[in-house]
Amino acid sequence: MRKGSITIFASLSLMLVASVLLVLAEGARVRSGEVLAEQNTEAVVESLFSQYEIPLWENYHLLARYIPVQEGNLALSGLEIEGEQLTQANANPEGTLFWKNHFMRMEQTQMVFSSYTLLTDDNGKAFQAAVSSYLKENLLTSLLEQPDSAFQELLQKDSDNKDSNNKDSSEIGTNSLDSIDKALDSIEEEKKKAQEENSSENTSGGSGTSFGEGSSQKKKVKENPLEVVKEFQSKGILSLVMEDTSKLSDENIDLNSAVSGRTLNQGINPTQYESRWYDPVLMQQYYKMVFSDFMSEEEGKSLSYEMEYLLCGKESDVENLKAVVYRLLAVREVANLVTLATDSARQSEALTIATAIGGFTGNPAVIEVVRVGILAAWAFVESILDIRSLLQGEKIPLIKSQDQWTSDIWGLSNSTGNYAKAKKCSTGLSYSQYLQNLLYLQNSATTAYRAMDLQEMAIRQMEGYEDFRMDQAIIAMEVEMGYEIEPMFLTNVTIGNVSLQPFSLQTSCKYSYLKAGV
């Protein structure tokens, strides 16, 4: 056997080289651990978000992860436990000898949710962004129905001095009635003056008499249009437009407990979403796609007339339908007054009757007030006929032609008798289309929260989802995770004062359902 020798210098040199190699190996190991930690964080976060709420997706095409509440705050501790279990399975599994000596073993030390966004955050924009994200991937933009510009212009005429969407339903559609009241008041004042001047003078001009007897009108006025419409005012609006109101839905909800009525949970540093020009059109298509209305009501929901609720926000189906009818009445009155304004023959008829009713005063100003009132009464009655047609599934043009006009000013009572309706029209807008146009002009945040009201209530009726809340549904989150990896090669380094403390690794990951591409 041959004997060898090595110098002390060579021995020290070899130890130094070995230590350098071990340090380099440890550095490479730690760098690989950083990559593995980042991959594990992404995998853990994606796994957490894979547990979305199935009813919310299947019924409303929204992805969100529901988080229960404990002591008034979202219980994110449950997500932390899930994350630890997933990390244990990925980066520190137990069992085999191989894994016990695996180079990349690491321990999770922390999991912090630095930010998250709830469906209800950002004044409804988070919800709208979630809807837009789905529709952009799943709806052909070429099929989008643009809002009717003529409809918007028509409403603008009626809202120059008021904001109809912010008024109670009982205040909407009263312009015509105001004109009628003014005309009737003017006539009464003139009658009183005439009676004071000459108590023997005949000042009659009411319903059932021949107004302005001896005047030159070709037809005899058998009824006062102003008083006919005034009588309508004493009836319920739904009884005017529907023959049988007993079959209406009796569903109602508690607005105080709804999303739009209660104090909501707020996300931490939630994502701020920018509104895009096409979002209102996408939202309109979404509401049309997932919600029902009076013409297509569905059973088994908290409210049957959902589109009506989006528009009016009342606590019962009947109240929402009533409020919608008032708004339709306002729209149709303005449209019908536009038709009358361009019809010289009907303008002349209105003047003839106004002269017959108010001619005894000899005051042109009073006759003009009465004429305006008569036109308003005529437009009101025509609007009632229009709404009857809409509620029976027919279409009504936005602006009628003279041939499409139905009511007769010489017999308004007969025009509305037996629940008569407007003439059938091959073109025009349906009831649902009128609702969609009205909804398009409403504040988007108001509509979004009302939509979440309906969705939350529908899901809470399902077994196992009784505690579901929209303001506990996360759609985006940023997670920060910490890891420790024990030294392996450095334990063999004997030169120098080498620290054997665990290496700390920090990672972060952002995830959003809006970018899931579904």
Protein backbone atom coordinates (compact mmCIF):
# COMPACT_ATOMS: atom_id res chain seq x y z
CA MET A 1 0.00 0.00 0.00
CA ARG A 2 1.30 3.35 -1.00
CA LYS A 3 1.35 6.11 1.52
CA GLY A 4 0.44 9.68 0.65
CA SER A 5 0.76 13.02 2.28
CA ILE A 6 -0.67 16.47 1.98
CA THR A 7 0.56 19.70 3.24
CA ILE A 8 -1.30 21.75 5.78
CA PHE A 9 -1.64 24.53 3.18
CA ALA A 10 -3.18 22.15 0.66
CA SER A 11 -5.55 20.78 3.28
CA LEU A 12 -6.67 24.23 4.23
CA SER A 13 -7.06 25.14 0.57
CA LEU A 14 -9.26 22.12 -0.08
CA MET A 15 -11.42 22.96 2.93
CA LEU A 16 -11.75 26.52 1.67
CA VAL A 17 -12.72 25.38 -1.82
CA ALA A 18 -15.24 22.92 -0.37
CA SER A 19 -16.75 25.63 1.81
CA VAL A 20 -17.09 27.96 -1.17
CA LEU A 21 -18.77 25.22 -3.19
CA LEU A 22 -21.14 24.45 -0.33
CA VAL A 23 -22.02 28.14 0.05
CA LEU A 24 -22.69 28.39 -3.67
CA ALA A 25 -24.83 25.27 -3.53
CA GLU A 26 -26.78 26.71 -0.61
CA GLY A 27 -27.29 29.95 -2.50
CA ALA A 28 -28.59 28.06 -5.53
CA ARG A 29 -30.84 26.05 -3.24
CA VAL A 30 -32.26 29.19 -1.62
CA ARG A 31 -32.82 30.80 -5.02
CA SER A 32 -34.68 27.70 -6.17
CA GLY A 33 -36.65 27.89 -2.93
CA GLU A 34 -37.73 31.43 -3.82
CA VAL A 35 -39.05 30.21 -7.17
CA LEU A 36 -40.83 27.32 -5.48
CA ALA A 37 -42.31 29.70 -2.88
CA GLU A 38 -43.69 31.97 -5.60
CA GLN A 39 -45.16 28.99 -7.42
CA ASN A 40 -46.70 27.67 -4.22
CA THR A 41 -48.23 31.06 -3.38
CA GLU A 42 -49.85 31.28 -6.82
CA ALA A 43 -51.09 27.71 -6.54
CA VAL A 44 -52.50 28.29 -3.05
CA VAL A 45 -54.32 31.50 -4.04
CA GLU A 46 -55.77 29.94 -7.18
CA SER A 47 -56.91 26.93 -5.14
CA LEU A 48 -58.63 29.23 -2.64
CA PHE A 49 -60.43 31.01 -5.47
CA SER A 50 -61.45 27.76 -7.14
CA GLN A 51 -64.15 27.39 -4.47
CA TYR A 52 -66.59 29.91 -5.94
CA GLU A 53 -70.30 30.03 -5.13
CA ILE A 54 -72.00 27.76 -7.66
CA PRO A 55 -75.55 29.26 -7.52
CA LEU A 56 -74.16 32.75 -8.09
CA TRP A 57 -72.34 31.50 -11.17
CA GLU A 58 -75.06 29.26 -12.59
CA ASN A 59 -77.88 31.77 -12.16
CA TYR A 60 -76.12 35.11 -12.58
CA HIS A 61 -72.74 34.36 -14.22
CA LEU A 62 -70.77 35.92 -11.36
CA LEU A 63 -67.70 34.37 -9.76
CA ALA A 64 -67.10 35.12 -6.08
CA ARG A 65 -65.87 33.39 -2.92
CA TYR A 66 -68.21 33.74 0.06
CA ILE A 67 -66.58 34.42 3.44
CA PRO A 68 -68.61 34.05 6.67
CA VAL A 69 -68.57 36.75 9.34
CA GLN A 70 -67.35 36.34 12.93
CA GLU A 71 -67.76 39.11 15.49
CA GLY A 72 -68.65 41.61 12.81
CA ASN A 73 -65.64 40.95 10.56
CA LEU A 74 -64.97 38.62 7.66
CA ALA A 75 -63.53 35.36 9.01
CA LEU A 76 -60.39 35.21 6.86
CA SER A 77 -58.81 32.82 9.34
CA GLY A 78 -60.55 30.01 7.50
CA LEU A 79 -58.63 30.92 4.34
CA GLU A 80 -55.38 30.95 6.34
CA ILE A 81 -55.99 27.40 7.55
CA GLU A 82 -56.76 26.27 4.00
CA GLY A 83 -53.59 27.97 2.78
CA GLU A 84 -51.44 26.25 5.40
CA GLN A 85 -52.86 22.86 4.52
CA LEU A 86 -52.19 23.42 0.82
CA THR A 87 -48.63 24.59 1.49
CA GLN A 88 -48.01 21.55 3.68
CA ALA A 89 -49.10 19.31 0.83
CA ASN A 90 -47.05 21.18 -1.78
CA ALA A 91 -43.81 22.15 -0.02
CA ASN A 92 -43.51 20.11 3.15
CA PRO A 93 -45.32 16.80 2.81
CA GLU A 94 -44.90 14.08 5.39
CA GLY A 95 -44.32 10.40 4.97
CA THR A 96 -41.57 9.27 2.67
CA LEU A 97 -37.87 9.31 3.47
CA PHE A 98 -37.30 11.08 0.21
CA TRP A 99 -39.37 14.11 1.25
CA LYS A 100 -37.80 14.22 4.68
CA ASN A 101 -34.45 14.79 2.97
CA HIS A 102 -35.74 16.82 0.06
CA PHE A 103 -33.63 19.82 -0.81
CA MET A 104 -36.64 22.17 -1.16
CA ARG A 105 -38.50 21.55 2.09
CA MET A 106 -39.93 24.77 3.54
CA GLU A 107 -42.36 25.89 6.20
CA GLN A 108 -45.08 28.54 5.80
CA THR A 109 -44.70 31.20 8.50
CA GLN A 110 -47.42 33.70 7.62
CA MET A 111 -50.34 34.44 5.33
CA VAL A 112 -51.60 38.03 5.17
CA PHE A 113 -54.52 39.30 3.09
CA SER A 114 -53.21 42.77 2.31
CA SER A 115 -56.21 43.72 0.17
CA TYR A 116 -59.46 42.28 -1.09
CA THR A 117 -62.48 43.52 -3.05
CA LEU A 118 -66.11 42.63 -2.37
CA LEU A 119 -68.88 42.55 -4.97
CA THR A 120 -70.53 45.55 -3.32
CA ASP A 121 -67.43 47.77 -3.20
CA ASP A 122 -66.67 51.01 -5.03
CA ASN A 123 -70.26 52.27 -5.14
CA GLY A 124 -71.42 49.34 -7.22
CA LYS A 125 -68.58 49.55 -9.75
CA ALA A 126 -67.08 46.24 -8.58
CA PHE A 127 -70.35 44.49 -9.42
CA GLN A 128 -70.56 46.24 -12.77
CA ALA A 129 -66.95 45.32 -13.56
CA ALA A 130 -67.71 41.66 -12.77
CA VAL A 131 -70.71 41.70 -15.11
CA SER A 132 -68.78 43.45 -17.89
CA SER A 133 -65.93 40.96 -17.54
CA TYR A 134 -68.27 38.06 -18.19
CA LEU A 135 -70.22 39.66 -21.03
CA LYS A 136 -67.10 40.80 -22.90
CA GLU A 137 -66.02 37.16 -23.10
CA ASN A 138 -69.41 35.63 -23.79
CA LEU A 139 -71.56 38.11 -25.70
CA LEU A 140 -71.15 39.29 -29.27
CA THR A 141 -70.99 43.06 -29.12
CA SER A 142 -72.63 43.21 -32.53
CA LEU A 143 -75.83 41.93 -30.90
CA LEU A 144 -76.00 44.67 -28.29
CA GLU A 145 -79.16 46.74 -28.31
CA GLN A 146 -78.30 50.41 -28.16
CA PRO A 147 -80.63 52.67 -26.18
CA ASP A 148 -83.18 54.61 -28.20
CA SER A 149 -81.84 58.16 -28.69
CA ALA A 150 -85.32 59.44 -29.55
CA PHE A 151 -86.56 58.03 -26.25
CA GLN A 152 -83.88 59.96 -24.39
CA GLU A 153 -84.74 63.18 -26.20
CA LEU A 154 -88.41 62.70 -25.36
CA LEU A 155 -87.67 62.23 -21.67
CA GLN A 156 -85.44 65.29 -21.72
CA LYS A 157 -88.45 67.38 -22.71
CA ASP A 158 -90.26 66.11 -19.65
CA SER A 159 -87.32 66.57 -17.28
CA ASP A 160 -86.08 70.08 -18.08
CA ASN A 161 -87.52 71.31 -14.79
CA LYS A 162 -87.53 68.06 -12.79
CA ASP A 163 -85.66 64.81 -12.31
CA SER A 164 -88.35 62.16 -12.80
CA ASN A 165 -86.16 59.30 -11.63
CA ASN A 166 -85.77 60.87 -8.20
CA LYS A 167 -89.47 61.53 -7.63
CA ASP A 168 -91.98 59.29 -5.96
CA SER A 169 -94.30 57.47 -8.33
CA SER A 170 -97.28 59.50 -7.15
CA GLU A 171 -95.57 62.65 -8.42
CA ILE A 172 -94.83 61.33 -11.87
CA GLY A 173 -97.19 61.81 -14.76
CA THR A 174 -99.08 64.68 -13.12
CA ASN A 175 -98.28 67.38 -15.70
CA SER A 176 -101.47 66.72 -17.63
CA LEU A 177 -103.54 66.63 -14.47
CA ASP A 178 -102.03 69.95 -13.41
CA SER A 179 -103.10 71.49 -16.71
CA ILE A 180 -106.56 70.05 -16.30
CA ASP A 181 -106.88 71.35 -12.73
CA LYS A 182 -105.76 74.78 -13.87
CA ALA A 183 -108.37 74.83 -16.62
CA LEU A 184 -111.16 73.73 -14.27
CA ASP A 185 -110.11 76.32 -11.68
CA SER A 186 -110.16 79.08 -14.32
CA ILE A 187 -113.69 78.13 -15.36
CA GLU A 188 -114.92 78.09 -11.75
CA GLU A 189 -113.40 81.50 -11.10
CA GLU A 190 -115.09 82.95 -14.17
CA LYS A 191 -118.41 81.42 -13.14
CA LYS A 192 -118.18 83.05 -9.71
CA LYS A 193 -117.40 86.41 -11.26
CA ALA A 194 -120.35 86.11 -13.64
CA GLN A 195 -122.68 85.15 -10.80
CA GLU A 196 -121.58 88.18 -8.81
CA GLU A 197 -122.18 90.49 -11.78
CA ASN A 198 -125.51 89.06 -12.76
CA SER A 199 -127.03 86.25 -10.75
CA SER A 200 -129.63 85.68 -13.46
CA GLU A 201 -127.07 85.00 -16.20
CA ASN A 202 -126.76 81.38 -17.27
CA THR A 203 -123.24 80.29 -16.39
CA SER A 204 -123.64 76.54 -16.75
CA GLY A 205 -120.95 74.68 -18.65
CA GLY A 206 -120.58 71.40 -16.85
CA SER A 207 -120.79 67.82 -17.91
CA GLY A 208 -124.01 66.62 -19.52
CA THR A 209 -125.01 70.02 -20.94
CA SER A 210 -124.63 71.68 -24.30
CA PHE A 211 -121.69 73.97 -23.67
CA GLY A 212 -121.81 77.30 -25.49
CA GLU A 213 -125.23 76.61 -26.90
CA GLY A 214 -125.69 78.38 -30.18
CA SER A 215 -121.99 78.33 -30.98
CA SER A 216 -120.76 77.31 -34.40
CA GLN A 217 -119.22 73.92 -33.52
CA LYS A 218 -120.36 71.17 -35.84
CA LYS A 219 -120.67 68.58 -33.10
CA LYS A 220 -122.53 68.97 -29.87
CA VAL A 221 -120.31 68.61 -26.80
CA LYS A 222 -121.91 65.89 -24.68
CA GLU A 223 -119.28 65.72 -21.95
CA ASN A 224 -116.56 67.87 -20.50
CA PRO A 225 -113.21 66.15 -21.23
CA LEU A 226 -111.66 67.90 -18.24
CA GLU A 227 -114.18 66.42 -15.84
CA VAL A 228 -113.93 62.96 -17.43
CA VAL A 229 -110.19 62.83 -16.75
CA LYS A 230 -110.68 64.38 -13.33
CA GLU A 231 -112.94 61.45 -12.51
CA PHE A 232 -110.22 59.05 -13.66
CA GLN A 233 -107.95 60.60 -11.07
CA SER A 234 -110.13 59.21 -8.29
CA LYS A 235 -109.50 55.65 -9.50
CA GLY A 236 -106.39 53.60 -8.80
CA ILE A 237 -103.87 53.76 -11.62
CA LEU A 238 -103.70 49.97 -11.99
CA SER A 239 -107.48 49.68 -12.22
CA LEU A 240 -107.35 52.17 -15.12
CA VAL A 241 -104.90 50.12 -17.17
CA MET A 242 -105.79 46.55 -16.11
CA GLU A 243 -109.15 44.83 -16.20
CA ASP A 244 -108.31 42.28 -13.49
CA THR A 245 -105.84 43.24 -10.76
CA SER A 246 -106.61 40.24 -8.55
CA LYS A 247 -104.04 38.09 -10.35
CA LEU A 248 -101.14 40.42 -9.65
CA SER A 249 -98.21 39.06 -7.64
CA ASP A 250 -98.42 39.66 -3.90
CA GLU A 251 -94.69 39.14 -3.26
CA ASN A 252 -92.88 41.67 -1.06
CA ILE A 253 -89.47 42.09 0.58
CA ASP A 254 -87.85 43.84 3.53
CA LEU A 255 -85.87 46.72 2.10
CA ASN A 256 -84.03 47.39 5.37
CA SER A 257 -82.26 44.03 5.22
CA ALA A 258 -81.48 44.25 1.49
CA VAL A 259 -78.07 45.14 0.06
CA SER A 260 -79.29 48.60 -0.90
CA GLY A 261 -80.78 49.24 2.54
CA ARG A 262 -78.28 47.97 5.11
CA THR A 263 -74.76 48.93 6.20
CA LEU A 264 -72.35 46.89 4.10
CA ASN A 265 -69.00 45.26 4.80
CA GLN A 266 -66.14 47.02 3.04
CA GLY A 267 -63.09 45.51 1.38
CA ILE A 268 -59.54 46.34 2.44
CA ASN A 269 -57.79 48.58 -0.11
CA PRO A 270 -60.30 47.43 -2.75
CA THR A 271 -59.54 47.66 -6.44
CA GLN A 272 -60.82 50.84 -8.08
CA TYR A 273 -62.57 50.11 -11.35
CA GLU A 274 -62.79 52.57 -14.22
CA SER A 275 -66.10 52.91 -16.04
CA ARG A 276 -65.88 52.37 -19.78
CA TRP A 277 -68.15 53.76 -22.44
CA TYR A 278 -69.70 50.37 -23.24
CA ASP A 279 -70.41 49.37 -19.62
CA PRO A 280 -73.95 50.85 -19.48
CA VAL A 281 -74.95 48.94 -22.62
CA LEU A 282 -73.47 45.71 -21.27
CA MET A 283 -75.26 46.16 -17.97
CA GLN A 284 -78.53 46.74 -19.80
CA GLN A 285 -78.09 43.47 -21.68
CA TYR A 286 -77.23 41.67 -18.45
CA TYR A 287 -80.34 42.86 -16.61
CA LYS A 288 -82.47 41.82 -19.57
CA MET A 289 -80.78 38.40 -19.60
CA VAL A 290 -81.08 37.43 -15.91
CA PHE A 291 -84.17 39.26 -14.59
CA SER A 292 -87.87 38.88 -15.34
CA ASP A 293 -90.59 41.51 -15.65
CA PHE A 294 -94.40 41.70 -15.60
CA MET A 295 -94.60 40.20 -19.08
CA SER A 296 -92.28 37.28 -18.24
CA GLU A 297 -92.63 36.78 -14.49
CA GLU A 298 -91.04 33.72 -12.92
CA GLU A 299 -92.19 31.87 -9.82
CA GLY A 300 -90.04 30.98 -6.85
CA LYS A 301 -88.37 34.37 -6.49
CA SER A 302 -88.61 36.98 -3.77
CA LEU A 303 -90.13 39.38 -6.30
CA SER A 304 -91.77 38.37 -9.57
CA TYR A 305 -91.48 41.75 -11.28
CA GLU A 306 -87.71 42.11 -11.08
CA MET A 307 -87.11 44.67 -13.80
CA GLU A 308 -89.79 46.83 -12.23
CA TYR A 309 -87.93 46.61 -8.92
CA LEU A 310 -84.67 47.64 -10.59
CA LEU A 311 -86.41 50.73 -11.89
CA CYS A 312 -88.48 51.72 -8.85
CA GLY A 313 -87.09 49.96 -5.77
CA LYS A 314 -90.40 49.50 -3.94
CA GLU A 315 -90.99 46.75 -1.38
CA SER A 316 -93.73 44.87 -3.24
CA ASP A 317 -94.48 43.76 -6.79
CA VAL A 318 -97.72 45.75 -6.86
CA GLU A 319 -96.04 48.96 -5.77
CA ASN A 320 -93.25 48.51 -8.31
CA LEU A 321 -95.73 47.86 -11.12
CA LYS A 322 -97.77 50.89 -10.09
CA ALA A 323 -94.66 53.08 -10.10
CA VAL A 324 -93.67 51.81 -13.55
CA VAL A 325 -97.14 52.56 -14.91
CA TYR A 326 -96.83 56.13 -13.64
CA ARG A 327 -93.52 56.50 -15.42
CA LEU A 328 -94.88 55.02 -18.62
CA LEU A 329 -97.82 57.38 -18.32
CA ALA A 330 -95.43 60.32 -18.09
CA VAL A 331 -93.53 59.18 -21.19
CA ARG A 332 -96.63 58.47 -23.23
CA GLU A 333 -98.27 61.79 -22.28
CA VAL A 334 -95.30 63.74 -23.56
CA ALA A 335 -95.18 61.65 -26.74
CA ASN A 336 -98.91 62.02 -27.37
CA LEU A 337 -98.77 65.76 -26.80
CA VAL A 338 -96.07 65.89 -29.49
CA THR A 339 -98.44 64.09 -31.87
CA LEU A 340 -101.31 66.46 -31.04
CA ALA A 341 -99.05 69.48 -31.52
CA THR A 342 -98.43 68.44 -35.14
CA ASP A 343 -102.07 67.59 -35.89
CA SER A 344 -103.91 70.75 -36.99
CA ALA A 345 -107.28 68.97 -37.25
CA ARG A 346 -107.19 67.76 -33.66
CA GLN A 347 -105.87 71.12 -32.49
CA SER A 348 -108.92 72.69 -34.09
CA GLU A 349 -111.24 70.21 -32.36
CA ALA A 350 -109.66 71.02 -29.01
CA LEU A 351 -110.16 74.74 -29.63
CA THR A 352 -113.80 74.18 -30.60
CA ILE A 353 -114.55 72.34 -27.37
CA ALA A 354 -112.55 74.86 -25.33
CA THR A 355 -114.66 77.65 -26.84
CA ALA A 356 -117.83 75.74 -26.04
CA ILE A 357 -116.75 75.24 -22.43
CA GLY A 358 -115.11 78.57 -21.67
CA GLY A 359 -116.56 80.86 -24.32
CA PHE A 360 -119.16 82.25 -21.91
CA THR A 361 -116.33 84.17 -20.20
CA GLY A 362 -115.48 86.14 -23.30
CA ASN A 363 -111.89 85.93 -22.10
CA PRO A 364 -109.41 84.57 -24.71
CA ALA A 365 -106.90 83.82 -21.95
CA VAL A 366 -109.36 81.52 -20.21
CA ILE A 367 -110.22 79.79 -23.48
CA GLU A 368 -106.51 79.19 -24.11
CA VAL A 369 -106.04 77.68 -20.64
CA VAL A 370 -109.03 75.41 -21.27
CA ARG A 371 -107.67 74.44 -24.70
CA VAL A 372 -104.35 73.41 -23.17
CA GLY A 373 -106.22 71.45 -20.50
CA ILE A 374 -108.29 69.65 -23.13
CA LEU A 375 -105.17 68.67 -25.09
CA ALA A 376 -103.65 67.38 -21.85
CA ALA A 377 -106.81 65.41 -21.09
CA TRP A 378 -106.79 63.95 -24.58
CA ALA A 379 -103.12 62.94 -24.30
CA PHE A 380 -103.82 61.42 -20.88
CA VAL A 381 -106.64 59.22 -22.15
CA GLU A 382 -104.62 58.14 -25.20
CA SER A 383 -101.76 57.25 -22.85
CA ILE A 384 -104.08 55.06 -20.76
CA LEU A 385 -105.03 53.18 -23.93
CA ASP A 386 -101.34 52.86 -24.87
CA ILE A 387 -100.40 51.35 -21.52
CA ARG A 388 -103.28 48.89 -21.72
CA SER A 389 -101.86 47.69 -25.03
CA LEU A 390 -98.32 47.46 -23.65
CA LEU A 391 -99.48 45.37 -20.68
CA GLN A 392 -101.18 42.99 -23.12
CA GLY A 393 -97.96 42.37 -25.04
CA GLU A 394 -98.44 44.80 -27.93
CA LYS A 395 -96.15 47.53 -29.22
CA ILE A 396 -96.64 51.27 -29.19
CA PRO A 397 -94.58 53.66 -31.34
CA LEU A 398 -92.65 56.28 -29.48
CA ILE A 399 -94.31 59.06 -31.51
CA LYS A 400 -97.61 58.11 -33.08
CA SER A 401 -98.74 59.10 -36.52
CA GLN A 402 -102.20 60.63 -36.99
CA ASP A 403 -103.51 57.29 -38.32
CA GLN A 404 -102.32 55.44 -35.20
CA TRP A 405 -104.32 57.67 -32.85
CA THR A 406 -107.20 55.91 -31.10
CA SER A 407 -109.21 58.11 -28.71
CA ASP A 408 -111.94 60.59 -29.69
CA ILE A 409 -112.11 63.92 -27.85
CA TRP A 410 -115.85 64.08 -28.46
CA GLY A 411 -116.37 60.95 -26.37
CA LEU A 412 -113.46 60.14 -24.05
CA SER A 413 -115.65 57.97 -21.83
CA ASN A 414 -116.57 55.78 -24.79
CA SER A 415 -112.93 55.63 -25.89
CA THR A 416 -111.91 54.04 -22.60
CA GLY A 417 -115.01 51.90 -22.02
CA ASN A 418 -114.80 48.09 -21.70
CA TYR A 419 -111.05 48.42 -21.17
CA ALA A 420 -110.48 49.37 -24.78
CA LYS A 421 -106.86 49.69 -25.82
CA ALA A 422 -104.86 51.53 -28.45
CA LYS A 423 -104.83 50.47 -32.08
CA LYS A 424 -102.50 47.62 -32.94
CA CYS A 425 -99.19 48.74 -34.40
CA SER A 426 -96.75 46.58 -36.32
CA THR A 427 -93.82 48.71 -35.21
CA GLY A 428 -92.85 50.38 -31.98
CA LEU A 429 -91.54 49.45 -28.55
CA SER A 430 -92.82 46.67 -26.32
CA TYR A 431 -93.41 46.97 -22.58
CA SER A 432 -90.01 45.40 -21.88
CA GLN A 433 -88.26 47.77 -24.28
CA TYR A 434 -89.85 50.79 -22.61
CA LEU A 435 -88.56 49.49 -19.27
CA GLN A 436 -85.07 48.96 -20.64
CA ASN A 437 -84.92 52.50 -22.00
CA LEU A 438 -86.11 53.93 -18.68
CA LEU A 439 -83.57 51.77 -16.83
CA TYR A 440 -80.74 52.93 -19.07
CA LEU A 441 -81.33 56.52 -17.95
CA GLN A 442 -81.27 55.63 -14.25
CA ASN A 443 -78.23 56.08 -12.00
CA SER A 444 -76.03 53.00 -12.59
CA ALA A 445 -75.08 52.56 -8.91
CA THR A 446 -78.74 52.58 -7.85
CA THR A 447 -79.58 49.89 -10.39
CA ALA A 448 -76.52 47.80 -9.48
CA TYR A 449 -77.40 47.67 -5.78
CA ARG A 450 -81.01 46.78 -6.54
CA ALA A 451 -79.78 44.01 -8.82
CA MET A 452 -77.67 42.66 -5.96
CA ASP A 453 -80.76 42.83 -3.72
CA LEU A 454 -82.57 40.43 -6.04
CA GLN A 455 -79.61 38.11 -6.50
CA GLU A 456 -78.86 37.85 -2.81
CA MET A 457 -82.49 37.13 -1.89
CA ALA A 458 -82.78 34.49 -4.60
CA ILE A 459 -79.64 32.65 -3.48
CA ARG A 460 -80.61 32.81 0.20
CA GLN A 461 -83.74 30.82 -0.65
CA MET A 462 -81.55 27.87 -1.71
CA GLU A 463 -80.69 25.10 0.72
CA GLY A 464 -77.26 25.60 2.26
CA TYR A 465 -77.03 29.28 1.28
CA GLU A 466 -79.33 30.80 3.88
CA ASP A 467 -76.54 33.02 5.24
CA PHE A 468 -75.20 34.20 1.89
CA ARG A 469 -74.47 37.93 1.60
CA MET A 470 -73.26 39.85 -1.43
CA ASP A 471 -71.08 42.07 0.76
CA GLN A 472 -69.22 38.98 1.96
CA ALA A 473 -68.40 37.77 -1.55
CA ILE A 474 -64.78 38.37 -2.57
CA ILE A 475 -63.96 38.87 -6.26
CA ALA A 476 -60.31 39.96 -6.01
CA MET A 477 -57.53 39.59 -3.44
CA GLU A 478 -53.84 40.18 -2.82
CA VAL A 479 -52.10 37.65 -0.55
CA GLU A 480 -48.67 37.92 1.04
CA MET A 481 -47.08 34.67 2.25
CA GLY A 482 -43.89 34.06 4.24
CA TYR A 483 -41.74 30.91 4.29
CA GLU A 484 -38.67 29.57 6.08
CA ILE A 485 -36.17 27.15 4.62
CA GLU A 486 -33.62 25.46 6.87
CA PRO A 487 -29.93 25.52 5.87
CA MET A 488 -28.66 22.24 4.43
CA PHE A 489 -25.21 22.64 2.84
CA LEU A 490 -24.06 25.31 5.27
CA THR A 491 -24.12 22.79 8.12
CA ASN A 492 -20.99 21.26 6.57
CA VAL A 493 -19.09 24.53 6.34
CA THR A 494 -16.46 24.57 9.11
CA ILE A 495 -14.49 27.65 8.14
CA GLY A 496 -15.62 30.96 9.57
CA ASN A 497 -18.57 31.89 11.73
CA VAL A 498 -21.50 30.72 9.55
CA SER A 499 -25.07 31.49 10.70
CA LEU A 500 -27.38 28.51 10.63
CA GLN A 501 -30.59 30.54 11.06
CA PRO A 502 -33.45 29.62 8.67
CA PHE A 503 -33.71 31.65 5.47
CA SER A 504 -36.85 33.84 5.27
CA LEU A 505 -38.71 34.12 1.96
CA GLN A 506 -41.49 36.62 1.18
CA THR A 507 -43.90 36.32 -1.75
CA SER A 508 -47.13 37.98 -2.87
CA CYS A 509 -49.83 37.18 -5.39
CA LYS A 510 -52.82 39.05 -6.78
CA TYR A 511 -55.84 37.20 -8.11
CA SER A 512 -59.09 38.45 -9.58
CA TYR A 513 -62.05 36.59 -11.01
CA LEU A 514 -62.38 39.44 -13.50
CA LYS A 515 -59.24 38.21 -15.24
CA ALA A 516 -60.18 34.55 -15.17
CA GLY A 517 -61.32 34.71 -18.79
CA VAL A 518 -64.59 32.85 -18.20
